[in-house]
Every structure is written in C-alpha cells, then in structure tokens.
C-alpha cells in the first residue's frame, strides 16, 4: 500500500485515498510512516507482500474500458518495421540546403520542405 492509492476504509466504510503520515519520536525525528484514511484518519494496516497485486497501469485500464465499450477482444499491437527504401525525405538528402528562411534543393534550386521527396534522392553521409 502506498500513499495516494484508493482503498475501502474499514473504519468509516468509505472509498478513500490512503495518506502517509510520518511518525516522530520525542525529539521530533522521523522514525517511520503509517498509512491513514483521508476522511476519518483511521489507521490502515499494511498488506503483506504475498497479498499485494500490482495495479494495472492507466493505459491498460483505458484499453480495457475501450474493449468493454466496443464489445470485442483487444487487438494485438501493430508492429512497424521500416524498410530500407523508406524515408527518402529531403531532410536526409545530400542536396538539401538548410536555411533559416527558406530550404532549397541543391540540384533544382527550388524551395523544398524537409518532408518532401523526389526521385533524385541521394543519402547524406
């Protein structure tokens, strides 16, 4: 259990956030931490390591809610593997002339954008 986690409080019966409260000795030196209910202040017990279940991430929870909404199974993630001939953008071309106001092609002397492409692509080294 850690601070900020939502649990059902056994003292007040409300669904609440867990707060960490530091425990001090008589010299006001911190000696430990105890977990309390945010509403009633009742002390909550620490679960044992065998009882702890890792909480799903927010992304996993969102994907699960979406699959329940759409009524289907979750699809596997798509794998993207770029091929060797992909990415012939002017930005990666040997003839790309970068300038703060206007980018040009060194062969045609025309204005180009970094994501333009052409048949005369030569890979920059």
Protein backbone atom coordinates (compact mmCIF):
# COMPACT_ATOMS: atom_id res chain seq x y z
CA UNK A 1 0.00 0.00 0.00
CA UNK A 2 1.28 3.42 -0.79
CA UNK A 3 0.06 6.96 -0.38
CA UNK A 4 -2.45 8.11 -2.97
CA UNK A 5 -3.94 4.66 -3.57
CA UNK A 6 -7.72 4.22 -3.30
CA UNK A 7 -8.99 1.65 -0.78
CA UNK A 8 -12.14 0.88 1.19
CA UNK A 9 -11.63 2.15 4.74
CA UNK A 10 -12.57 -0.45 7.40
CA UNK A 11 -13.30 2.31 9.95
CA UNK A 12 -15.70 4.62 8.09
CA UNK A 13 -16.64 2.33 5.18
CA UNK A 14 -15.91 4.97 2.52
CA UNK A 15 -13.79 4.56 -0.59
CA UNK A 16 -10.88 6.84 0.25
CA UNK A 17 -7.35 7.78 -0.60
CA UNK A 18 -4.53 6.48 1.55
CA UNK A 19 -2.45 9.19 3.22
CA UNK A 20 1.06 8.69 4.51
CA UNK A 21 1.57 10.16 7.94
CA UNK A 22 5.08 10.33 9.39
CA UNK A 23 5.63 9.04 12.92
CA UNK A 24 8.01 11.08 15.10
CA UNK A 25 9.77 10.27 18.38
CA UNK A 26 10.06 12.62 21.36
CA UNK A 27 12.97 14.51 19.70
CA UNK A 28 10.83 15.15 16.61
CA UNK A 29 12.95 12.85 14.49
CA UNK A 30 11.05 10.78 11.93
CA UNK A 31 11.02 7.10 12.89
CA UNK A 32 8.54 5.69 10.40
CA UNK A 33 5.43 6.08 8.32
CA UNK A 34 1.88 4.94 8.96
CA UNK A 35 -1.00 4.89 6.49
CA UNK A 36 -4.29 6.55 7.40
CA UNK A 37 -7.71 7.16 5.86
CA UNK A 38 -8.02 10.63 4.29
CA UNK A 39 -11.58 11.06 5.66
CA UNK A 40 -11.65 9.68 9.19
CA UNK A 41 -7.93 9.44 9.99
CA UNK A 42 -8.22 5.79 10.98
CA UNK A 43 -5.01 3.81 10.73
CA UNK A 44 -4.90 1.29 7.90
CA UNK A 45 -3.00 -1.98 8.04
CA UNK A 46 -0.17 -2.69 5.64
CA UNK A 47 -0.86 -5.66 3.39
CA UNK A 48 1.69 -8.45 3.37
CA UNK A 49 3.93 -8.87 0.34
CA UNK A 50 2.08 -12.05 -0.68
CA UNK A 51 -1.29 -10.19 -0.72
CA UNK A 52 -0.11 -7.35 -2.91
CA UNK A 53 -1.27 -7.39 -6.50
CA UNK A 54 0.31 -4.95 -8.95
CA UNK A 55 -2.22 -2.38 -10.07
CA UNK A 56 -2.76 -2.12 -13.84
CA UNK A 57 -1.35 0.97 -15.50
CA UNK A 58 -3.66 3.76 -16.64
CA UNK A 59 -3.00 2.81 -20.26
CA UNK A 60 -4.02 -0.82 -19.60
CA UNK A 61 -7.15 0.33 -17.74
CA UNK A 62 -8.11 2.65 -20.62
CA UNK A 63 -7.61 -0.11 -23.18
CA UNK A 64 -9.74 -2.49 -21.09
CA UNK A 65 -12.55 0.08 -20.77
CA UNK A 66 -12.45 0.70 -24.52
CA UNK A 67 -12.65 -3.02 -25.31
CA UNK A 68 -15.64 -3.37 -22.95
CA UNK A 69 -17.31 -0.39 -24.62
CA UNK A 70 -16.79 -1.77 -28.12
CA UNK A 71 -17.72 -5.29 -27.03
CA UNK A 72 -14.75 -7.05 -28.55
CA UNK A 73 -11.37 -8.51 -27.79
CA UNK A 74 -8.33 -6.30 -27.57
CA UNK A 75 -6.27 -6.43 -30.73
CA UNK A 76 -2.54 -7.05 -30.56
CA UNK A 77 -0.28 -4.07 -31.05
CA UNK A 78 0.75 -3.48 -34.63
CA UNK A 79 4.42 -3.93 -35.38
CA UNK A 80 6.07 -1.35 -37.60
CA UNK A 81 9.30 -2.28 -39.33
CA UNK A 82 10.57 0.38 -41.73
CA UNK A 83 12.10 -0.88 -44.94
CA UNK A 84 15.47 0.17 -46.33
CA UNK A 85 13.95 2.26 -49.14
CA UNK A 86 11.59 4.17 -46.83
CA UNK A 87 12.40 7.66 -45.60
CA UNK A 88 13.73 9.32 -48.75
CA UNK A 89 12.88 12.73 -47.41
CA UNK A 90 14.68 15.87 -48.49
CA UNK A 91 15.84 16.36 -44.92
CA UNK A 92 18.05 13.26 -45.25
CA UNK A 93 19.26 14.10 -48.77
CA UNK A 94 22.80 15.17 -49.63
CA UNK A 95 21.45 18.06 -51.75
CA UNK A 96 19.23 19.58 -49.06
CA UNK A 97 20.34 23.15 -48.31
CA UNK A 98 19.01 24.23 -44.93
CA UNK A 99 18.46 27.94 -44.38
CA UNK A 100 16.56 29.76 -41.60
CA UNK A 101 14.16 31.42 -44.05
CA UNK A 102 13.88 29.01 -47.00
CA UNK A 103 15.10 25.46 -47.55
CA UNK A 104 16.29 24.65 -51.08
CA UNK A 105 17.25 21.66 -53.16
CA UNK A 106 20.89 21.93 -54.30
CA UNK A 107 20.09 20.29 -57.65
CA UNK A 108 16.94 22.14 -58.75
CA UNK A 109 17.39 25.29 -56.64
CA UNK A 110 13.66 25.16 -55.83
CA UNK A 111 12.16 25.71 -52.42
CA UNK A 112 11.52 22.39 -50.65
CA UNK A 113 10.20 21.28 -47.29
CA UNK A 114 12.08 18.84 -45.07
CA UNK A 115 9.45 16.12 -45.62
CA UNK A 116 9.31 16.43 -49.41
CA UNK A 117 10.73 13.64 -51.53
CA UNK A 118 11.90 13.18 -55.13
CA UNK A 119 13.45 10.62 -57.50
CA UNK A 120 16.89 12.29 -57.29
CA UNK A 121 17.38 11.42 -53.60
CA UNK A 122 20.98 10.83 -52.52
CA UNK A 123 21.55 9.70 -48.95
CA UNK A 124 23.57 12.11 -46.83
CA UNK A 125 26.57 10.65 -45.09
